[in-house]
Amino acid sequence: MTQASQSVSVPPVPPARSERSPGVKLVIAVLIAVALMVPLLMIYGLLWDRQQQAETAQASIGQGWGGQQTIAGPVVVIPYRATETTTVEENGKDVTRTVNTIRNLYLSPQTNKADVVIKPEKRKKAIYETVVYESQIAGSAEFVLPADIARYGVTREALMLDRAEVRLGISDARGLVDGNSLTVDGTPLALQPGKGLLSTGNSGTFAFVDWSAAAPMKVDYKIGVRGLGDFKLIPRGVDTRWTVKSSWPNPSFGGDFLPATREVKSTGFTATYAVPNLALGQAQVLTGDLSPPVTTNYGPRESYAVETAPNSAEASGGTAKAVAISLIEPVDLYSQVDRSIKYGFLFIGFTFVAFLMFDIIAGARVAPAEYLLTGIALVLFFVLLLAFAEVIGFMPAYMVASAAIIGLLTFYSAAVLGSWKRARFLAAMLIGLYALLYTLLNLEAYALLIGSVLMFFALAGVMYMTRGIDWGGIGKKEESGVA
């Protein structure tokens, strides 16, 4: 057998992979980016769930400490005899009946001055932390029975002054601490539980006082109460003046009246309130108690809003107004993570654009699976951010999560793009994006302006680099020569 007659087996040559057009590659990248919006939305659900768990933990702390506190008073409540005329139908005829009843007259102080000291404290349950406080209120109020009491529909003779009560409203009486006292003209009175004011859910404390002499009366009171969330004060009287001090450096002032003066330092704050009766729009003498403020919660913790049972007979005096002071955290990590997630499409978009430019311009082939894995890594950043932020705080968590994802994608893109030089470019871009996002989170007022300008220049850069690309064909457009 000759050498020529021997058959030589040649391995089959695999068919060359067809090159996709730039337009098809763009469509694939866009579809994968859109698909990645689904896990981003799932992270929103995770964020909401963790926020609910944090609020549940805060509520459990409040169950043993005291919830949102609303303080009202003091107010002198005087029973009086009244006559009511009703018409009923008997045997087909209208019959008028007169009934003698006992109702309450609510007398606000002529002046009410108080010094309030709020002592904040941080409490933790598991990984969740919240700010609680103990407030000490020391005040003095002066009461004068108006000589023209009859103009309010109540005669002097109908007043049962020997059965008067001095009431203080406290929305969550569980927070009361030891050392509370009340004196009338220097005489200490025993405080009784319950019988607060309607504006605080009928919760609070009171003391019996015999005011038969109807002489001007001075009431000195000291109240210590613990709470969580907002601290609110309801002004009652012709002239109300409060001075509120605390060592908390990040207060938020809200409600129906803002402080007349305020001083906020790193060591705490001091705020003074001066609320005249004309601003309250309430008479000094009322035949019905004031209902709770229209907005019963000025902070984010709705579970501590004042709740009252309907009582139309007692709520005929109008609606109370309140001032609110919140001891807020300087950085709410859940709101920061929420805002970060809203910029997730920017990270996916810029990274995919970089991959696409390396693919259609530099010739580095990027498979759809590689787009998908890169996008998943970018989405994972927000999960890491949330997980670490609950433990070590937002800024350290941001640095850890961004460093982890930048390092991961740098090593991965070196293999995908076939060059460490290209990988370093991608790393520099991601570093710039994460630094920009952190800046946007801290410049909330200018976030939209900076973000929109950045997107404009990014789009302009992509349009410039792809101006010679034949999106429907393979490669660049053929330049026609001029004869």
Foldseek 3Di string as FASTA:
>chain_A
DDPVPDDDDDDDDDDDDDDDFLQVLVVLLVVLLVVLVVVLVVVVVVLVVVVVVLLVQLVVVCVQANAAKEKEDFKKKWKFKDKDWDWDADPNDIDIDIDIDIFIKIFGFAEKEKEKEKEWDWDDDDLHIFIKIKMKIKMKTKHADDPVVVVQVGDPVGTPQQFMKTAMAILTVSFWDPDKWKAKPNHTFDKDFFQHAQQSQSGGIMGGDRCVVRHMIMMIIITMGMYGWKHKYFDAHQKYKYKYWYQQQDKDKDWDDGFPDKDGDNRTIIGMHIDGPVNFVFDSMDRATAHHAPPQHPDDNPVRGRDYDDDVNRHPRYHITMMIMGRDDPDDLSVLLVLLSVCLSVVLVVLSLLVSCLCQPVPQDADSVNSNVLSVLSSVLSVQQVVVCSRPNRPVSLVVSLVVSLVVQLVVVCVRSVHNVSSVVSSVVSVVVSVLSVVCSVVVVCNVVVVVVVVVVVVVVSCVSCVQRPSNDGHGDDDDDDD
